[in-house]
C-alpha atoms as a PDB file:
ATOM      1  CA  MET A   1       0.000   0.000   0.000  1.00  0.00           C
ATOM      2  CA  THR A   2       1.434   3.367  -1.035  1.00  0.00           C
ATOM      3  CA  ASP A   3      -1.547   5.649  -0.264  1.00  0.00           C
ATOM      4  CA  ARG A   4      -0.967   7.932   2.663  1.00  0.00           C
ATOM      5  CA  ARG A   5      -2.406   6.629   5.933  1.00  0.00           C
ATOM      6  CA  VAL A   6      -2.959   8.513   9.169  1.00  0.00           C
ATOM      7  CA  MET A   7      -2.007   7.523  12.730  1.00  0.00           C
ATOM      8  CA  ALA A   8      -3.173   9.402  15.813  1.00  0.00           C
ATOM      9  CA  VAL A   9      -0.642   9.576  18.667  1.00  0.00           C
ATOM     10  CA  LYS A  10      -1.253  10.117  22.364  1.00  0.00           C
ATOM     11  CA  SER A  11       1.966   9.209  24.146  1.00  0.00           C
ATOM     12  CA  GLY A  12       4.570  11.477  25.653  1.00  0.00           C
ATOM     13  CA  GLY A  13       2.857  14.828  25.105  1.00  0.00           C
ATOM     14  CA  ARG A  14       3.931  17.385  22.504  1.00  0.00           C
ATOM     15  CA  GLU A  15       7.633  16.743  23.066  1.00  0.00           C
ATOM     16  CA  GLY A  16       7.151  13.008  22.663  1.00  0.00           C
ATOM     17  CA  PHE A  17       5.056  13.530  19.530  1.00  0.00           C
ATOM     18  CA  ALA A  18       7.892  15.411  17.826  1.00  0.00           C
ATOM     19  CA  GLU A  19      10.191  12.448  18.504  1.00  0.00           C
ATOM     20  CA  TRP A  20       7.570   9.979  17.248  1.00  0.00           C
ATOM     21  CA  GLN A  21       7.314  12.031  14.046  1.00  0.00           C
ATOM     22  CA  ALA A  22      11.063  11.949  13.505  1.00  0.00           C
ATOM     23  CA  CYS A  23      11.169   8.186  14.054  1.00  0.00           C
ATOM     24  CA  PHE A  24       8.349   7.380  11.644  1.00  0.00           C
ATOM     25  CA  ALA A  25       9.734   9.790   9.038  1.00  0.00           C
ATOM     26  CA  ARG A  26      12.743   7.455   8.872  1.00  0.00           C
ATOM     27  CA  LEU A  27      10.768   4.226   8.993  1.00  0.00           C
ATOM     28  CA  ASP A  28       7.637   4.892   6.912  1.00  0.00           C
ATOM     29  CA  PRO A  29       7.404   8.336   5.294  1.00  0.00           C
ATOM     30  CA  THR A  30       3.962   7.467   3.850  1.00  0.00           C
ATOM     31  CA  LEU A  31       2.446   7.264   7.337  1.00  0.00           C
ATOM     32  CA  GLU A  32       1.120  10.639   8.482  1.00  0.00           C
ATOM     33  CA  LEU A  33       1.232  11.213  12.217  1.00  0.00           C
ATOM     34  CA  VAL A  34      -1.229  13.586  13.869  1.00  0.00           C
ATOM     35  CA  TYR A  35      -1.207  14.777  17.459  1.00  0.00           C
ATOM     36  CA  TRP A  36      -4.139  13.604  19.565  1.00  0.00           C
ATOM     37  CA  GLU A  37      -6.012  16.907  19.778  1.00  0.00           C
ATOM     38  CA  GLU A  38      -5.771  17.340  16.012  1.00  0.00           C
ATOM     39  CA  ALA A  39      -6.928  13.753  15.476  1.00  0.00           C
ATOM     40  CA  LEU A  40     -10.058  14.469  17.518  1.00  0.00           C
ATOM     41  CA  GLN A  41     -10.903  17.244  15.070  1.00  0.00           C
ATOM     42  CA  ARG A  42     -10.729  14.791  12.153  1.00  0.00           C
ATOM     43  CA  PRO A  43     -11.665  11.391  13.607  1.00  0.00           C
ATOM     44  CA  ASP A  44     -12.974   9.987  10.301  1.00  0.00           C
ATOM     45  CA  SER A  45      -9.473  10.223   8.772  1.00  0.00           C
ATOM     46  CA  ILE A  46      -7.663   8.044  11.352  1.00  0.00           C
ATOM     47  CA  ASP A  47      -6.449   4.585  10.297  1.00  0.00           C
ATOM     48  CA  TYR A  48      -4.242   3.705  13.263  1.00  0.00           C
ATOM     49  CA  ALA A  49      -3.777   4.878  16.852  1.00  0.00           C
ATOM     50  CA  LEU A  50      -0.648   4.744  19.021  1.00  0.00           C
ATOM     51  CA  VAL A  51      -1.749   5.492  22.573  1.00  0.00           C
ATOM     52  CA  TRP A  52      -1.003   5.068  26.258  1.00  0.00           C
ATOM     53  CA  ASP A  53      -4.110   6.451  28.017  1.00  0.00           C
ATOM     54  CA  PRO A  54      -6.665   7.622  25.440  1.00  0.00           C
ATOM     55  CA  ASP A  55      -9.535   9.796  26.597  1.00  0.00           C
ATOM     56  CA  PRO A  56     -12.678   7.689  27.086  1.00  0.00           C
ATOM     57  CA  GLY A  57     -14.889   7.523  24.014  1.00  0.00           C
ATOM     58  CA  CYS A  58     -12.395   9.068  21.599  1.00  0.00           C
ATOM     59  CA  LEU A  59     -11.205   5.894  19.881  1.00  0.00           C
ATOM     60  CA  ALA A  60     -14.822   4.902  19.286  1.00  0.00           C
ATOM     61  CA  ARG A  61     -15.296   8.097  17.249  1.00  0.00           C
ATOM     62  CA  MET A  62     -12.614   7.031  14.744  1.00  0.00           C
ATOM     63  CA  ALA A  63     -14.900   5.207  12.322  1.00  0.00           C
ATOM     64  CA  ARG A  64     -12.197   3.815  10.030  1.00  0.00           C
ATOM     65  CA  LEU A  65      -9.737   2.854  12.786  1.00  0.00           C
ATOM     66  CA  ARG A  66      -8.005  -0.392  11.796  1.00  0.00           C
ATOM     67  CA  VAL A  67      -5.533  -1.140  14.633  1.00  0.00           C
ATOM     68  CA  ILE A  68      -4.790   0.282  18.094  1.00  0.00           C
ATOM     69  CA  PHE A  69      -1.181   0.047  19.271  1.00  0.00           C
ATOM     70  CA  GLY A  70      -0.265   0.352  22.946  1.00  0.00           C
ATOM     71  CA  SER A  71       2.794   2.569  23.354  1.00  0.00           C
ATOM     72  CA  GLY A  72       3.981   0.709  26.463  1.00  0.00           C
ATOM     73  CA  ALA A  73       4.212  -2.870  27.663  1.00  0.00           C
ATOM     74  CA  GLY A  74       0.819  -2.719  29.370  1.00  0.00           C
ATOM     75  CA  VAL A  75      -2.539  -1.813  27.864  1.00  0.00           C
ATOM     76  CA  ASP A  76      -4.261  -1.131  31.198  1.00  0.00           C
ATOM     77  CA  GLY A  77      -4.819   2.568  30.419  1.00  0.00           C
ATOM     78  CA  ILE A  78      -6.436   1.721  27.099  1.00  0.00           C
ATOM     79  CA  LEU A  79      -8.749  -0.880  28.627  1.00  0.00           C
ATOM     80  CA  LEU A  80     -10.085   1.713  31.098  1.00  0.00           C
ATOM     81  CA  ASP A  81     -12.037   3.245  28.214  1.00  0.00           C
ATOM     82  CA  PRO A  82     -15.618   1.948  28.644  1.00  0.00           C
ATOM     83  CA  ASP A  83     -16.331   2.742  24.971  1.00  0.00           C
ATOM     84  CA  LEU A  84     -13.205   1.060  23.585  1.00  0.00           C
ATOM     85  CA  PRO A  85     -14.092  -0.362  20.138  1.00  0.00           C
ATOM     86  CA  ARG A  86     -13.633  -4.045  20.921  1.00  0.00           C
ATOM     87  CA  HIS A  87     -13.792  -5.057  17.257  1.00  0.00           C
ATOM     88  CA  VAL A  88     -10.553  -3.165  16.536  1.00  0.00           C
ATOM     89  CA  PRO A  89      -7.381  -5.232  17.147  1.00  0.00           C
ATOM     90  CA  LEU A  90      -5.328  -4.056  20.117  1.00  0.00           C
ATOM     91  CA  VAL A  91      -1.589  -4.774  19.800  1.00  0.00           C
ATOM     92  CA  ARG A  92       0.633  -4.926  22.886  1.00  0.00           C
ATOM     93  CA  MET A  93       4.141  -3.437  22.787  1.00  0.00           C
ATOM     94  CA  ALA A  94       5.860  -6.786  23.429  1.00  0.00           C
ATOM     95  CA  ILE A  95       9.165  -6.458  21.595  1.00  0.00           C
ATOM     96  CA  PRO A  96      12.594  -8.109  21.964  1.00  0.00           C
ATOM     97  CA  GLU A  97      14.209  -4.828  22.967  1.00  0.00           C
ATOM     98  CA  ALA A  98      11.813  -4.512  25.923  1.00  0.00           C
ATOM     99  CA  THR A  99      12.434  -8.131  26.922  1.00  0.00           C
ATOM    100  CA  GLN A 100      16.195  -7.571  26.955  1.00  0.00           C
ATOM    101  CA  ARG A 101      15.850  -4.379  28.964  1.00  0.00           C
ATOM    102  CA  MET A 102      13.619  -6.123  31.490  1.00  0.00           C
ATOM    103  CA  GLY A 103      16.172  -8.893  31.916  1.00  0.00           C
ATOM    104  CA  GLU A 104      18.895  -6.323  32.504  1.00  0.00           C
ATOM    105  CA  PHE A 105      16.774  -4.462  35.046  1.00  0.00           C
ATOM    106  CA  CYS A 106      15.890  -7.655  36.925  1.00  0.00           C
ATOM    107  CA  CYS A 107      19.560  -8.640  37.126  1.00  0.00           C
ATOM    108  CA  TRP A 108      20.434  -5.193  38.493  1.00  0.00           C
ATOM    109  CA  ALA A 109      17.553  -5.241  40.968  1.00  0.00           C
ATOM    110  CA  VAL A 110      18.232  -8.761  42.235  1.00  0.00           C
ATOM    111  CA  LEU A 111      21.966  -8.085  42.581  1.00  0.00           C
ATOM    112  CA  SER A 112      21.187  -4.814  44.382  1.00  0.00           C
ATOM    113  CA  LEU A 113      19.098  -6.706  46.930  1.00  0.00           C
ATOM    114  CA  LEU A 114      21.683  -9.456  47.248  1.00  0.00           C
ATOM    115  CA  LYS A 115      24.537  -6.991  47.877  1.00  0.00           C
ATOM    116  CA  ASP A 116      22.472  -4.510  49.935  1.00  0.00           C
ATOM    117  CA  ALA A 117      23.061  -1.642  47.511  1.00  0.00           C
ATOM    118  CA  ARG A 118      20.483   0.550  49.257  1.00  0.00           C
ATOM    119  CA  ARG A 119      22.510   0.469  52.475  1.00  0.00           C
ATOM    120  CA  MET A 120      25.634   1.513  50.559  1.00  0.00           C
ATOM    121  CA  ALA A 121      23.793   4.332  48.763  1.00  0.00           C
ATOM    122  CA  ILE A 122      22.533   5.720  52.077  1.00  0.00           C
ATOM    123  CA  ALA A 123      26.018   5.486  53.554  1.00  0.00           C
ATOM    124  CA  GLN A 124      27.533   7.304  50.583  1.00  0.00           C
ATOM    125  CA  ALA A 125      24.981  10.109  50.823  1.00  0.00           C
ATOM    126  CA  ALA A 126      25.907  10.481  54.498  1.00  0.00           C
ATOM    127  CA  ARG A 127      29.679  10.148  53.771  1.00  0.00           C
ATOM    128  CA  ASP A 128      29.646   7.240  56.192  1.00  0.00           C
ATOM    129  CA  TRP A 129      32.232   4.445  55.783  1.00  0.00           C
ATOM    130  CA  ASP A 130      29.713   1.770  56.712  1.00  0.00           C
ATOM    131  CA  TYR A 131      31.845  -1.363  56.380  1.00  0.00           C
ATOM    132  CA  PHE A 132      29.982  -4.678  56.365  1.00  0.00           C
ATOM    133  CA  GLU A 133      30.610  -8.137  54.994  1.00  0.00           C
ATOM    134  CA  ALA A 134      28.930  -9.042  51.696  1.00  0.00           C
ATOM    135  CA  PRO A 135      25.607 -10.579  52.743  1.00  0.00           C
ATOM    136  CA  GLY A 136      24.915 -13.011  49.892  1.00  0.00           C
ATOM    137  CA  ARG A 137      26.172 -15.013  46.930  1.00  0.00           C
ATOM    138  CA  ALA A 138      24.290 -15.681  43.704  1.00  0.00           C
ATOM    139  CA  ASP A 139      24.850 -19.434  43.523  1.00  0.00           C
ATOM    140  CA  LEU A 140      23.450 -19.822  47.044  1.00  0.00           C
ATOM    141  CA  THR A 141      20.356 -17.719  46.284  1.00  0.00           C
ATOM    142  CA  THR A 142      17.081 -18.828  44.709  1.00  0.00           C
ATOM    143  CA  VAL A 143      15.193 -16.275  42.645  1.00  0.00           C
ATOM    144  CA  GLY A 144      11.499 -17.034  42.208  1.00  0.00           C
ATOM    145  CA  ILE A 145       9.893 -15.441  39.152  1.00  0.00           C
ATOM    146  CA  MET A 146       6.124 -15.023  39.068  1.00  0.00           C
ATOM    147  CA  GLY A 147       5.099 -14.936  35.420  1.00  0.00           C
ATOM    148  CA  LEU A 148       7.050 -16.954  32.865  1.00  0.00           C
ATOM    149  CA  GLY A 149       6.117 -15.206  29.630  1.00  0.00           C
ATOM    150  CA  THR A 150       8.761 -13.800  27.310  1.00  0.00           C
ATOM    151  CA  MET A 151      10.036 -11.299  29.886  1.00  0.00           C
ATOM    152  CA  GLY A 152      10.052 -13.827  32.714  1.00  0.00           C
ATOM    153  CA  ALA A 153      11.831 -16.421  30.588  1.00  0.00           C
ATOM    154  CA  ARG A 154      14.495 -13.951  29.448  1.00  0.00           C
ATOM    155  CA  SER A 155      15.031 -12.655  32.974  1.00  0.00           C
ATOM    156  CA  ALA A 156      15.407 -16.222  34.272  1.00  0.00           C
ATOM    157  CA  ALA A 157      18.018 -17.022  31.636  1.00  0.00           C
ATOM    158  CA  MET A 158      20.018 -13.881  32.396  1.00  0.00           C
ATOM    159  CA  LEU A 159      19.863 -14.469  36.152  1.00  0.00           C
ATOM    160  CA  GLN A 160      21.088 -18.025  35.601  1.00  0.00           C
ATOM    161  CA  GLY A 161      24.015 -16.579  33.663  1.00  0.00           C
ATOM    162  CA  ILE A 162      25.081 -14.701  36.786  1.00  0.00           C
ATOM    163  CA  GLY A 163      24.765 -17.884  38.835  1.00  0.00           C
ATOM    164  CA  PHE A 164      21.381 -17.572  40.538  1.00  0.00           C
ATOM    165  CA  ARG A 165      19.186 -20.616  41.022  1.00  0.00           C
ATOM    166  CA  THR A 166      15.831 -19.901  39.372  1.00  0.00           C
ATOM    167  CA  ILE A 167      12.325 -21.244  39.906  1.00  0.00           C
ATOM    168  CA  GLY A 168       9.098 -19.972  38.399  1.00  0.00           C
ATOM    169  CA  TRP A 169       5.370 -19.803  39.037  1.00  0.00           C
ATOM    170  CA  SER A 170       2.632 -19.225  36.480  1.00  0.00           C
ATOM    171  CA  ARG A 171      -0.966 -20.102  35.744  1.00  0.00           C
ATOM    172  CA  ARG A 172       0.130 -23.079  33.628  1.00  0.00           C
ATOM    173  CA  ARG A 173       3.306 -25.124  33.979  1.00  0.00           C
ATOM    174  CA  LYS A 174       6.168 -24.024  31.726  1.00  0.00           C
ATOM    175  CA  ASP A 175       9.162 -25.905  30.372  1.00  0.00           C
ATOM    176  CA  LEU A 176      12.138 -23.550  30.480  1.00  0.00           C
ATOM    177  CA  PRO A 177      15.835 -24.536  30.662  1.00  0.00           C
ATOM    178  CA  GLY A 178      17.074 -24.540  34.235  1.00  0.00           C
ATOM    179  CA  VAL A 179      13.787 -23.283  35.703  1.00  0.00           C
ATOM    180  CA  GLU A 180      11.802 -25.508  38.036  1.00  0.00           C
ATOM    181  CA  SER A 181       8.176 -24.693  37.267  1.00  0.00           C
ATOM    182  CA  TYR A 182       5.317 -24.355  39.737  1.00  0.00           C
ATOM    183  CA  ALA A 183       1.768 -23.792  38.513  1.00  0.00           C
ATOM    184  CA  GLY A 184      -1.614 -22.828  39.869  1.00  0.00           C
ATOM    185  CA  GLU A 185      -2.870 -21.600  43.214  1.00  0.00           C
ATOM    186  CA  ALA A 186      -2.217 -24.908  44.961  1.00  0.00           C
ATOM    187  CA  GLU A 187       1.535 -24.756  44.259  1.00  0.00           C
ATOM    188  CA  LEU A 188       2.039 -21.092  45.154  1.00  0.00           C
ATOM    189  CA  PRO A 189       2.907 -21.704  48.852  1.00  0.00           C
ATOM    190  CA  ALA A 190       5.617 -24.243  47.975  1.00  0.00           C
ATOM    191  CA  PHE A 191       7.056 -21.858  45.380  1.00  0.00           C
ATOM    192  CA  LEU A 192       7.169 -18.942  47.812  1.00  0.00           C
ATOM    193  CA  ALA A 193       8.724 -21.060  50.570  1.00  0.00           C
ATOM    194  CA  ARG A 194      11.761 -21.695  48.343  1.00  0.00           C
ATOM    195  CA  THR A 195      12.148 -18.104  47.124  1.00  0.00           C
ATOM    196  CA  ASP A 196      14.931 -15.925  48.534  1.00  0.00           C
ATOM    197  CA  ILE A 197      14.259 -13.044  46.140  1.00  0.00           C
ATOM    198  CA  LEU A 198      10.824 -12.749  44.526  1.00  0.00           C
ATOM    199  CA  VAL A 199      10.370 -11.117  41.103  1.00  0.00           C
ATOM    200  CA  CYS A 200       6.806 -10.339  39.988  1.00  0.00           C
ATOM    201  CA  LEU A 201       6.320 -10.231  36.213  1.00  0.00           C
ATOM    202  CA  LEU A 202       2.712 -11.368  36.040  1.00  0.00           C
ATOM    203  CA  PRO A 203       0.169  -9.886  33.618  1.00  0.00           C
ATOM    204  CA  ALA A 204      -2.618  -7.650  34.868  1.00  0.00           C
ATOM    205  CA  THR A 205      -5.702  -9.837  35.352  1.00  0.00           C
ATOM    206  CA  PRO A 206      -8.438  -9.973  38.010  1.00  0.00           C
ATOM    207  CA  GLU A 207      -6.676 -13.033  39.487  1.00  0.00           C
ATOM    208  CA  THR A 208      -3.368 -11.215  39.928  1.00  0.00           C
ATOM    209  CA  ARG A 209      -4.739  -8.092  41.657  1.00  0.00           C
ATOM    210  CA  ARG A 210      -3.046  -7.683  45.059  1.00  0.00           C
ATOM    211  CA  ILE A 211      -1.377 -11.075  44.721  1.00  0.00           C
ATOM    212  CA  ILE A 212       1.583  -9.602  46.625  1.00  0.00           C
ATOM    213  CA  ARG A 213       0.047  -8.886  50.005  1.00  0.00           C
ATOM    214  CA  ALA A 214       0.571  -9.774  53.658  1.00  0.00           C
ATOM    215  CA  GLU A 215      -0.598 -13.383  53.244  1.00  0.00           C
ATOM    216  CA  THR A 216       1.757 -14.156  50.365  1.00  0.00           C
ATOM    217  CA  LEU A 217       4.687 -12.196  51.785  1.00  0.00           C
ATOM    218  CA  ALA A 218       4.375 -14.238  54.994  1.00  0.00           C
ATOM    219  CA  LEU A 219       5.032 -17.420  52.992  1.00  0.00           C
ATOM    220  CA  LEU A 220       8.478 -16.214  51.904  1.00  0.00           C
ATOM    221  CA  PRO A 221      11.534 -17.072  54.015  1.00  0.00           C
ATOM    222  CA  ARG A 222      12.124 -14.340  56.577  1.00  0.00           C
ATOM    223  CA  GLY A 223      14.427 -11.689  55.158  1.00  0.00           C
ATOM    224  CA  ALA A 224      13.518 -12.337  51.510  1.00  0.00           C
ATOM    225  CA  GLY A 225      13.722  -9.626  48.873  1.00  0.00           C
ATOM    226  CA  TYR A 226      11.028  -8.396  46.482  1.00  0.00           C
ATOM    227  CA  VAL A 227      11.285  -6.929  42.981  1.00  0.00           C
ATOM    228  CA  GLY A 228       8.015  -5.433  41.689  1.00  0.00           C
ATOM    229  CA  VAL A 229       8.295  -4.838  37.942  1.00  0.00           C
ATOM    230  CA  GLY A 230       5.021  -6.222  36.557  1.00  0.00           C
ATOM    231  CA  ARG A 231       2.049  -3.975  37.287  1.00  0.00           C
ATOM    232  CA  GLY A 232       1.252  -1.635  40.163  1.00  0.00           C
ATOM    233  CA  MET A 233      -1.972  -3.498  40.843  1.00  0.00           C
ATOM    234  CA  HIS A 234      -0.021  -6.618  41.800  1.00  0.00           C
ATOM    235  CA  HIS A 235       1.212  -5.393  45.166  1.00  0.00           C
ATOM    236  CA  ASP A 236      -0.255  -3.819  48.274  1.00  0.00           C
ATOM    237  CA  LEU A 237       2.183  -1.058  49.204  1.00  0.00           C
ATOM    238  CA  GLY A 238       0.953  -0.930  52.794  1.00  0.00           C
ATOM    239  CA  ASP A 239       1.668  -4.626  53.240  1.00  0.00           C
ATOM    240  CA  ILE A 240       5.100  -4.264  51.630  1.00  0.00           C
ATOM    241  CA  LEU A 241       5.893  -1.385  53.978  1.00  0.00           C
ATOM    242  CA  ALA A 242       4.807  -3.459  56.990  1.00  0.00           C
ATOM    243  CA  ALA A 243       6.904  -6.418  55.811  1.00  0.00           C
ATOM    244  CA  LEU A 244       9.955  -4.172  55.452  1.00  0.00           C
ATOM    245  CA  ASP A 245       9.423  -2.720  58.926  1.00  0.00           C
ATOM    246  CA  SER A 246       9.019  -6.170  60.496  1.00  0.00           C
ATOM    247  CA  GLY A 247      12.024  -7.687  58.725  1.00  0.00           C
ATOM    248  CA  GLN A 248       9.936 -10.227  56.818  1.00  0.00           C
ATOM    249  CA  LEU A 249      11.311  -8.446  53.753  1.00  0.00           C
ATOM    250  CA  SER A 250      14.944  -7.348  53.869  1.00  0.00           C
ATOM    251  CA  GLY A 251      14.517  -5.109  50.858  1.00  0.00           C
ATOM    252  CA  ALA A 252      12.250  -4.137  47.983  1.00  0.00           C
ATOM    253  CA  MET A 253      12.889  -2.747  44.512  1.00  0.00           C
ATOM    254  CA  LEU A 254       9.677  -1.161  43.173  1.00  0.00           C
ATOM    255  CA  ASP A 255       9.252   0.143  39.629  1.00  0.00           C
ATOM    256  CA  VAL A 256       5.466   0.065  39.144  1.00  0.00           C
ATOM    257  CA  PHE A 257       2.636   1.676  41.109  1.00  0.00           C
ATOM    258  CA  GLU A 258      -1.118   2.060  40.771  1.00  0.00           C
ATOM    259  CA  THR A 259      -0.745   5.812  41.238  1.00  0.00           C
ATOM    260  CA  GLU A 260       2.105   7.199  39.161  1.00  0.00           C
ATOM    261  CA  PRO A 261       4.074   9.182  40.039  1.00  0.00           C
ATOM    262  CA  LEU A 262       4.173   7.710  43.539  1.00  0.00           C
ATOM    263  CA  PRO A 263       2.936  10.539  45.814  1.00  0.00           C
ATOM    264  CA  ALA A 264       5.818  12.556  47.248  1.00  0.00           C
ATOM    265  CA  ASP A 265       4.642  11.981  50.816  1.00  0.00           C
ATOM    266  CA  HIS A 266       4.538   8.189  50.541  1.00  0.00           C
ATOM    267  CA  PRO A 267       6.759   6.637  53.246  1.00  0.00           C
ATOM    268  CA  LEU A 268       8.381   4.203  50.805  1.00  0.00           C
ATOM    269  CA  TRP A 269      10.350   7.068  49.238  1.00  0.00           C
ATOM    270  CA  ALA A 270      12.456   7.443  52.368  1.00  0.00           C
ATOM    271  CA  HIS A 271      12.428   3.877  53.625  1.00  0.00           C
ATOM    272  CA  PRO A 272      15.988   2.591  54.198  1.00  0.00           C
ATOM    273  CA  ARG A 273      15.130  -0.824  52.750  1.00  0.00           C
ATOM    274  CA  ALA A 274      13.245   0.322  49.634  1.00  0.00           C
ATOM    275  CA  THR A 275      14.431   1.527  46.228  1.00  0.00           C
ATOM    276  CA  ILE A 276      11.928   3.371  44.030  1.00  0.00           C
ATOM    277  CA  THR A 277      12.357   3.678  40.261  1.00  0.00           C
ATOM    278  CA  PRO A 278      10.009   5.592  37.892  1.00  0.00           C
ATOM    279  CA  HIS A 279       8.476   2.774  35.773  1.00  0.00           C
ATOM    280  CA  VAL A 280      11.538   2.401  33.544  1.00  0.00           C
ATOM    281  CA  ALA A 281      12.356  -1.298  33.858  1.00  0.00           C
ATOM    282  CA  SER A 282      11.652  -2.364  30.293  1.00  0.00           C
ATOM    283  CA  LEU A 283      10.838   0.807  28.377  1.00  0.00           C
ATOM    284  CA  PRO A 284      12.440   0.704  24.909  1.00  0.00           C
ATOM    285  CA  THR A 285      13.426   3.852  23.019  1.00  0.00           C
ATOM    286  CA  ARG A 286      10.819   5.513  20.835  1.00  0.00           C
ATOM    287  CA  LEU A 287      12.799   4.461  17.760  1.00  0.00           C
ATOM    288  CA  GLU A 288      12.663   0.812  18.875  1.00  0.00           C
ATOM    289  CA  ARG A 289       8.926   1.043  19.511  1.00  0.00           C
ATOM    290  CA  ALA A 290       8.302   2.918  16.269  1.00  0.00           C
ATOM    291  CA  GLY A 291      10.149   0.204  14.366  1.00  0.00           C
ATOM    292  CA  TYR A 292       7.866  -2.439  15.863  1.00  0.00           C
ATOM    293  CA  VAL A 293       4.741  -0.465  14.951  1.00  0.00           C
ATOM    294  CA  ALA A 294       5.966   0.267  11.418  1.00  0.00           C
ATOM    295  CA  ARG A 295       6.802  -3.404  10.811  1.00  0.00           C
ATOM    296  CA  SER A 296       3.457  -4.475  12.243  1.00  0.00           C
ATOM    297  CA  ILE A 297       1.544  -2.062   9.994  1.00  0.00           C
ATOM    298  CA  ALA A 298       3.502  -3.153   6.925  1.00  0.00           C
ATOM    299  CA  GLY A 299       2.762  -6.812   7.652  1.00  0.00           C
ATOM    300  CA  PHE A 300      -0.888  -6.100   8.408  1.00  0.00           C
ATOM    301  CA  GLU A 301      -1.306  -4.289   5.101  1.00  0.00           C
ATOM    302  CA  ARG A 302       0.244  -7.284   3.328  1.00  0.00           C
ATOM    303  CA  GLY A 303      -2.395  -9.485   4.930  1.00  0.00           C
ATOM    304  CA  GLU A 304      -0.193 -10.948   7.660  1.00  0.00           C
ATOM    305  CA  ALA A 305      -1.364 -11.599  11.221  1.00  0.00           C
ATOM    306  CA  LEU A 306      -0.762  -8.874  13.790  1.00  0.00           C
ATOM    307  CA  PRO A 307       1.681  -9.752  16.597  1.00  0.00           C
ATOM    308  CA  ASN A 308       0.969  -9.791  20.337  1.00  0.00           C
ATOM    309  CA  LEU A 309      -2.753  -9.179  20.145  1.00  0.00           C
ATOM    310  CA  TYR A 310      -4.545  -8.469  23.411  1.00  0.00           C
ATOM    311  CA  ASP A 311      -6.729 -11.457  24.305  1.00  0.00           C
ATOM    312  CA  PRO A 312      -9.710 -10.549  26.510  1.00  0.00           C
ATOM    313  CA  ALA A 313     -10.113 -14.195  27.554  1.00  0.00           C
ATOM    314  CA  ARG A 314      -6.616 -14.275  29.046  1.00  0.00           C
ATOM    315  CA  GLY A 315      -6.617 -10.683  30.199  1.00  0.00           C
ATOM    316  CA  TYR A 316      -3.351  -9.804  28.416  1.00  0.00           C
END
């Protein structure tokens, strides 16, 4: 197809839109990008939408909309639209670059917990020579990964490369090299009992809401670590705070929150056993994401199947 097509963009504000334009100008000059407010003035001209949190009802007004692309790994903000046109395919931003970045982040987070990096950062800020013996070793530490999709599988492989023992838990049993698999609600307690550092990479579904709470944290060995990089709805921040205060958790690395940014007065910001990062664990560059969208559109227009379609039955 050589006719000019139009894609509405709502991701990153005006500054982000200028970067999206530059990326797509390199990748597909025949694709016209329009900023969200302009698109709402001409909804009948929109073929594609690249969005993070579209205003409710707006996508439904785009009568010739062919595909909706999520601009981030999750599509939670898109699904909040009660008038979302369910007949239009919704493509998740599940790309190899994001998977690699997530694996890197998980390795950094797990190693930070293992080596007590937060304690050293606090000591440096205070100019305090806080000498202590290294508290852990990778080959003596079991990392339990909740969610063994592409990101969980890649993270497990990279953690194994450092020397960590890895186990995994998911809705259905998985067969991954070097990963002992647990599956279903009945096997969750046994999985947690063996986990020294817990990594949550589950999808956002009704079943996974608040899965990290006081009851599940209590099943971990005392002094375990927690890495929250899936969705903010997975964990109860009050219960994590209580577990840190009691010593049930020795540390937490948190990248995702239900309210973002995390409110400035939240006690986790200053907690000596918590590290807060601003939802950056797996975010690819705009050029990487634009390349994925451009390739997906080109394939779709050739009659090929779209990748990584959102499945309402699974919830992701």
